[in-house]
Amino acid sequence: MKNLNHRDPHETLEYIKKLQNEVETSAFEIDRREDIQVQFRVDESIGPGMFKPDPLIPGGYKANSLTLRAMRPNIFVLGESTQDLSTPYECACGKEIDLQFWKLCPYCARSVST
């Protein structure tokens, strides 16, 4: 699963369902999913690719505008860890990012090509 394309979280979910059907057993209870929404607020004083808890929005975070623009709108997490779906990518700017979270590089705004 290390080379799975994370551009579409629904594609990832379909891949997991396919694997479960192949082994005829359910490793995860996909139908009991939980959707969580997190609110973000722009704060240009925060460095690229970074988040800080927002004291004005309980459970919310602050980040700079580039970071918020670079984030994927839907992130699929399976269980307690994000390691299983990790897709490391080295951007031309030299920063390594995980494609499961970013649609652009949060440091330089370059498109990520897979």
N, C-alpha and C. Protein backbone atom coordinates (compact mmCIF):
# COMPACT_ATOMS: atom_id res chain seq x y z
N MET A 1 0.80 -1.19 0.00
CA MET A 1 0.00 0.00 0.00
C MET A 1 0.85 1.26 0.00
N LYS A 2 2.15 1.13 0.08
CA LYS A 2 3.01 2.31 0.12
C LYS A 2 2.91 3.15 -1.15
N ASN A 3 2.61 2.54 -2.29
CA ASN A 3 2.56 3.27 -3.55
C ASN A 3 1.14 3.65 -3.95
N LEU A 4 0.22 3.59 -3.02
CA LEU A 4 -1.16 3.94 -3.30
C LEU A 4 -1.28 5.44 -3.57
N ASN A 5 -2.02 5.79 -4.59
CA ASN A 5 -2.23 7.20 -4.92
C ASN A 5 -3.28 7.78 -3.98
N HIS A 6 -2.90 8.82 -3.24
CA HIS A 6 -3.79 9.39 -2.24
C HIS A 6 -4.52 10.63 -2.73
N ARG A 7 -4.62 10.82 -4.00
CA ARG A 7 -5.28 12.01 -4.53
C ARG A 7 -6.77 12.02 -4.21
N ASP A 8 -7.36 10.85 -4.08
CA ASP A 8 -8.80 10.77 -3.82
C ASP A 8 -9.04 9.81 -2.66
N PRO A 9 -9.49 10.32 -1.52
CA PRO A 9 -9.71 9.44 -0.37
C PRO A 9 -10.74 8.36 -0.64
N HIS A 10 -11.69 8.62 -1.52
CA HIS A 10 -12.70 7.62 -1.85
C HIS A 10 -12.07 6.48 -2.64
N GLU A 11 -11.06 6.78 -3.44
CA GLU A 11 -10.32 5.76 -4.18
C GLU A 11 -9.60 4.84 -3.19
N THR A 12 -9.03 5.42 -2.15
CA THR A 12 -8.35 4.64 -1.12
C THR A 12 -9.34 3.72 -0.41
N LEU A 13 -10.50 4.25 -0.09
CA LEU A 13 -11.54 3.46 0.57
C LEU A 13 -11.96 2.29 -0.32
N GLU A 14 -12.13 2.53 -1.60
CA GLU A 14 -12.51 1.46 -2.53
C GLU A 14 -11.43 0.39 -2.61
N TYR A 15 -10.18 0.80 -2.56
CA TYR A 15 -9.06 -0.14 -2.59
C TYR A 15 -9.10 -1.05 -1.35
N ILE A 16 -9.39 -0.47 -0.20
CA ILE A 16 -9.46 -1.25 1.04
C ILE A 16 -10.63 -2.22 0.97
N LYS A 17 -11.77 -1.78 0.48
CA LYS A 17 -12.92 -2.67 0.34
C LYS A 17 -12.59 -3.83 -0.60
N LYS A 18 -11.86 -3.53 -1.67
CA LYS A 18 -11.46 -4.57 -2.63
C LYS A 18 -10.58 -5.60 -1.94
N LEU A 19 -9.63 -5.14 -1.14
CA LEU A 19 -8.77 -6.06 -0.42
C LEU A 19 -9.56 -6.93 0.55
N GLN A 20 -10.53 -6.34 1.23
CA GLN A 20 -11.35 -7.10 2.17
C GLN A 20 -12.16 -8.17 1.44
N ASN A 21 -12.67 -7.83 0.27
CA ASN A 21 -13.44 -8.80 -0.50
C ASN A 21 -12.57 -9.94 -0.97
N GLU A 22 -11.31 -9.65 -1.30
CA GLU A 22 -10.40 -10.70 -1.78
C GLU A 22 -10.10 -11.72 -0.68
N VAL A 23 -9.99 -11.28 0.55
CA VAL A 23 -9.69 -12.20 1.64
C VAL A 23 -10.95 -12.62 2.40
N GLU A 24 -12.10 -12.10 1.98
CA GLU A 24 -13.40 -12.40 2.55
C GLU A 24 -13.46 -12.20 4.06
N THR A 25 -12.75 -11.20 4.53
CA THR A 25 -12.80 -10.86 5.94
C THR A 25 -12.61 -9.36 6.07
N SER A 26 -13.18 -8.79 7.09
CA SER A 26 -13.10 -7.35 7.28
C SER A 26 -12.06 -7.02 8.34
N ALA A 27 -11.00 -6.34 7.94
CA ALA A 27 -9.97 -5.93 8.89
C ALA A 27 -10.40 -4.67 9.63
N PHE A 28 -11.24 -3.87 9.00
CA PHE A 28 -11.71 -2.62 9.58
C PHE A 28 -13.21 -2.51 9.36
N GLU A 29 -13.88 -1.86 10.24
CA GLU A 29 -15.32 -1.66 10.10
C GLU A 29 -15.56 -0.38 9.32
N ILE A 30 -15.41 -0.47 8.00
CA ILE A 30 -15.51 0.68 7.10
C ILE A 30 -16.88 1.33 7.17
N ASP A 31 -17.93 0.53 7.32
CA ASP A 31 -19.29 1.07 7.33
C ASP A 31 -19.58 1.87 8.60
N ARG A 32 -18.74 1.76 9.60
CA ARG A 32 -18.93 2.50 10.84
C ARG A 32 -17.97 3.68 10.90
N ARG A 33 -17.76 4.31 9.79
CA ARG A 33 -16.81 5.42 9.72
C ARG A 33 -17.32 6.62 10.51
N GLU A 34 -16.37 7.46 10.83
CA GLU A 34 -16.68 8.68 11.58
C GLU A 34 -16.11 9.86 10.81
N ASP A 35 -16.96 10.79 10.45
CA ASP A 35 -16.51 11.99 9.75
C ASP A 35 -16.25 13.08 10.78
N ILE A 36 -15.07 13.65 10.71
CA ILE A 36 -14.68 14.71 11.64
C ILE A 36 -14.30 15.93 10.83
N GLN A 37 -14.83 17.06 11.21
CA GLN A 37 -14.48 18.32 10.55
C GLN A 37 -13.67 19.17 11.52
N VAL A 38 -12.60 19.75 10.99
CA VAL A 38 -11.73 20.61 11.79
C VAL A 38 -11.77 21.99 11.16
N GLN A 39 -11.92 23.01 11.98
CA GLN A 39 -11.94 24.38 11.47
C GLN A 39 -10.54 24.98 11.53
N PHE A 40 -10.20 25.75 10.49
CA PHE A 40 -8.90 26.41 10.39
C PHE A 40 -9.11 27.90 10.21
N ARG A 41 -8.15 28.65 10.70
CA ARG A 41 -8.18 30.09 10.55
C ARG A 41 -6.80 30.54 10.07
N VAL A 42 -6.78 31.54 9.18
CA VAL A 42 -5.52 32.04 8.61
C VAL A 42 -4.78 32.89 9.64
N ASP A 43 -3.48 32.61 9.75
CA ASP A 43 -2.58 33.41 10.57
C ASP A 43 -1.22 33.40 9.86
N GLU A 44 -0.89 34.48 9.18
CA GLU A 44 0.32 34.54 8.37
C GLU A 44 1.61 34.53 9.20
N SER A 45 1.51 34.65 10.52
CA SER A 45 2.72 34.60 11.35
C SER A 45 3.22 33.17 11.57
N ILE A 46 2.42 32.19 11.19
CA ILE A 46 2.79 30.78 11.36
C ILE A 46 3.54 30.33 10.11
N GLY A 47 4.63 29.61 10.31
CA GLY A 47 5.47 29.15 9.20
C GLY A 47 4.74 28.17 8.29
N PRO A 48 5.22 28.02 7.05
CA PRO A 48 4.59 27.11 6.09
C PRO A 48 4.62 25.65 6.59
N GLY A 49 3.54 24.95 6.32
CA GLY A 49 3.45 23.54 6.69
C GLY A 49 3.25 23.30 8.18
N MET A 50 2.98 24.35 8.93
CA MET A 50 2.82 24.24 10.38
C MET A 50 1.41 24.62 10.80
N PHE A 51 0.98 24.09 11.94
CA PHE A 51 -0.33 24.39 12.51
C PHE A 51 -0.16 24.70 13.99
N LYS A 52 -1.00 25.56 14.50
CA LYS A 52 -1.04 25.86 15.93
C LYS A 52 -2.48 25.81 16.40
N PRO A 53 -2.72 25.31 17.61
CA PRO A 53 -4.09 25.33 18.12
C PRO A 53 -4.64 26.75 18.14
N ASP A 54 -5.90 26.89 17.80
CA ASP A 54 -6.54 28.20 17.76
C ASP A 54 -7.25 28.46 19.09
N PRO A 55 -6.83 29.47 19.83
CA PRO A 55 -7.47 29.74 21.12
C PRO A 55 -8.91 30.26 20.98
N LEU A 56 -9.28 30.73 19.79
CA LEU A 56 -10.63 31.26 19.58
C LEU A 56 -11.63 30.21 19.11
N ILE A 57 -11.13 29.10 18.54
CA ILE A 57 -12.01 28.05 18.01
C ILE A 57 -11.64 26.74 18.71
N PRO A 58 -12.47 26.26 19.64
CA PRO A 58 -12.17 25.00 20.32
C PRO A 58 -12.00 23.85 19.31
N GLY A 59 -10.88 23.16 19.39
CA GLY A 59 -10.59 22.07 18.47
C GLY A 59 -10.11 22.54 17.11
N GLY A 60 -10.00 23.85 16.89
CA GLY A 60 -9.57 24.41 15.62
C GLY A 60 -8.07 24.70 15.62
N TYR A 61 -7.58 25.04 14.44
CA TYR A 61 -6.16 25.32 14.27
C TYR A 61 -5.96 26.57 13.43
N LYS A 62 -4.78 27.15 13.57
CA LYS A 62 -4.37 28.28 12.74
C LYS A 62 -3.21 27.83 11.86
N ALA A 63 -3.13 28.39 10.66
CA ALA A 63 -2.05 28.10 9.73
C ALA A 63 -1.98 29.26 8.73
N ASN A 64 -0.84 29.36 8.03
CA ASN A 64 -0.77 30.44 7.03
C ASN A 64 -1.58 30.06 5.79
N SER A 65 -1.84 31.03 4.95
CA SER A 65 -2.74 30.82 3.80
C SER A 65 -2.20 29.78 2.81
N LEU A 66 -0.87 29.72 2.61
CA LEU A 66 -0.30 28.73 1.70
C LEU A 66 -0.54 27.32 2.25
N THR A 67 -0.34 27.13 3.52
CA THR A 67 -0.56 25.82 4.14
C THR A 67 -2.01 25.38 3.96
N LEU A 68 -2.93 26.29 4.20
CA LEU A 68 -4.35 25.95 4.06
C LEU A 68 -4.72 25.66 2.62
N ARG A 69 -4.15 26.38 1.68
CA ARG A 69 -4.41 26.14 0.25
C ARG A 69 -3.83 24.80 -0.20
N ALA A 70 -2.70 24.41 0.39
CA ALA A 70 -2.01 23.18 0.00
C ALA A 70 -2.65 21.91 0.57
N MET A 71 -3.43 22.05 1.63
CA MET A 71 -4.04 20.88 2.29
C MET A 71 -5.08 20.20 1.42
N ARG A 72 -5.15 18.90 1.55
CA ARG A 72 -6.25 18.16 0.93
C ARG A 72 -7.53 18.44 1.70
N PRO A 73 -8.65 18.61 1.01
CA PRO A 73 -9.89 18.91 1.73
C PRO A 73 -10.44 17.71 2.49
N ASN A 74 -10.13 16.50 2.03
CA ASN A 74 -10.59 15.28 2.68
C ASN A 74 -9.38 14.40 2.94
N ILE A 75 -9.19 14.05 4.19
CA ILE A 75 -8.08 13.17 4.55
C ILE A 75 -8.68 11.90 5.12
N PHE A 76 -8.26 10.78 4.56
CA PHE A 76 -8.77 9.48 4.97
C PHE A 76 -7.79 8.88 5.97
N VAL A 77 -8.25 8.58 7.17
CA VAL A 77 -7.41 7.97 8.20
C VAL A 77 -8.04 6.64 8.57
N LEU A 78 -7.22 5.62 8.63
CA LEU A 78 -7.69 4.28 8.95
C LEU A 78 -7.12 3.88 10.29
N GLY A 79 -7.94 3.88 11.31
CA GLY A 79 -7.46 3.54 12.65
C GLY A 79 -6.81 4.73 13.32
N GLU A 80 -5.89 4.45 14.22
CA GLU A 80 -5.25 5.50 15.02
C GLU A 80 -4.00 6.08 14.35
N SER A 81 -3.48 5.42 13.34
CA SER A 81 -2.21 5.83 12.73
C SER A 81 -2.40 6.25 11.28
N THR A 82 -1.55 7.16 10.83
CA THR A 82 -1.56 7.56 9.42
C THR A 82 -0.42 6.90 8.65
N GLN A 83 0.36 6.05 9.31
CA GLN A 83 1.54 5.44 8.70
C GLN A 83 1.20 4.50 7.54
N ASP A 84 0.12 3.74 7.64
CA ASP A 84 -0.22 2.76 6.61
C ASP A 84 -0.45 3.40 5.26
N LEU A 85 -0.96 4.61 5.23
CA LEU A 85 -1.29 5.28 3.97
C LEU A 85 -0.25 6.34 3.59
N SER A 86 0.87 6.33 4.26
CA SER A 86 1.92 7.33 4.03
C SER A 86 2.51 7.21 2.62
N THR A 87 2.66 8.34 1.95
CA THR A 87 3.30 8.40 0.63
C THR A 87 4.30 9.55 0.63
N PRO A 88 5.55 9.28 1.06
CA PRO A 88 6.55 10.35 1.10
C PRO A 88 6.86 10.86 -0.31
N TYR A 89 7.10 12.16 -0.41
CA TYR A 89 7.39 12.81 -1.68
C TYR A 89 8.38 13.93 -1.43
N GLU A 90 9.47 13.95 -2.21
CA GLU A 90 10.43 15.04 -2.08
C GLU A 90 10.14 16.08 -3.16
N CYS A 91 9.80 17.28 -2.72
CA CYS A 91 9.51 18.38 -3.62
C CYS A 91 10.81 18.93 -4.21
N ALA A 92 10.68 19.62 -5.32
CA ALA A 92 11.85 20.26 -5.95
C ALA A 92 12.49 21.30 -5.03
N CYS A 93 11.72 21.82 -4.05
CA CYS A 93 12.28 22.81 -3.11
C CYS A 93 13.14 22.15 -2.04
N GLY A 94 13.15 20.80 -2.02
CA GLY A 94 13.98 20.07 -1.06
C GLY A 94 13.25 19.58 0.17
N LYS A 95 12.01 19.96 0.34
CA LYS A 95 11.24 19.53 1.51
C LYS A 95 10.55 18.20 1.21
N GLU A 96 10.51 17.31 2.19
CA GLU A 96 9.78 16.07 2.05
C GLU A 96 8.40 16.24 2.67
N ILE A 97 7.38 15.86 1.91
CA ILE A 97 6.00 15.96 2.39
C ILE A 97 5.32 14.59 2.23
N ASP A 98 4.20 14.42 2.87
CA ASP A 98 3.42 13.19 2.75
C ASP A 98 2.19 13.50 1.88
N LEU A 99 2.11 12.85 0.74
CA LEU A 99 1.04 13.15 -0.23
C LEU A 99 -0.36 12.83 0.27
N GLN A 100 -0.46 12.06 1.35
CA GLN A 100 -1.82 11.80 1.85
C GLN A 100 -2.44 13.06 2.46
N PHE A 101 -1.62 14.07 2.75
CA PHE A 101 -2.13 15.30 3.37
C PHE A 101 -2.11 16.52 2.45
N TRP A 102 -1.29 16.50 1.40
CA TRP A 102 -1.06 17.72 0.62
C TRP A 102 -1.38 17.54 -0.86
N LYS A 103 -2.03 18.55 -1.45
CA LYS A 103 -2.25 18.56 -2.90
C LYS A 103 -1.24 19.47 -3.60
N LEU A 104 -0.61 20.37 -2.83
CA LEU A 104 0.50 21.23 -3.27
C LEU A 104 1.58 21.16 -2.20
N CYS A 105 2.77 21.57 -2.53
CA CYS A 105 3.80 21.67 -1.50
C CYS A 105 3.45 22.85 -0.59
N PRO A 106 3.34 22.62 0.72
CA PRO A 106 2.98 23.71 1.63
C PRO A 106 4.13 24.70 1.89
N TYR A 107 5.30 24.40 1.33
CA TYR A 107 6.45 25.28 1.54
C TYR A 107 6.70 26.20 0.34
N CYS A 108 6.42 25.70 -0.88
CA CYS A 108 6.73 26.51 -2.07
C CYS A 108 5.55 26.63 -3.05
N ALA A 109 4.45 25.94 -2.80
CA ALA A 109 3.23 25.97 -3.62
C ALA A 109 3.37 25.26 -4.96
N ARG A 110 4.45 24.49 -5.16
CA ARG A 110 4.57 23.72 -6.40
C ARG A 110 3.56 22.58 -6.41
N SER A 111 3.09 22.26 -7.60
CA SER A 111 2.23 21.09 -7.79
C SER A 111 3.05 19.86 -7.50
N VAL A 112 2.41 18.85 -6.91
CA VAL A 112 3.12 17.60 -6.69
C VAL A 112 2.80 16.68 -7.85
N SER A 113 3.79 16.05 -8.39
CA SER A 113 3.58 15.16 -9.54
C SER A 113 3.93 13.75 -9.10
N THR A 114 2.98 12.84 -9.32
CA THR A 114 3.20 11.45 -8.94
C THR A 114 3.18 10.56 -10.15
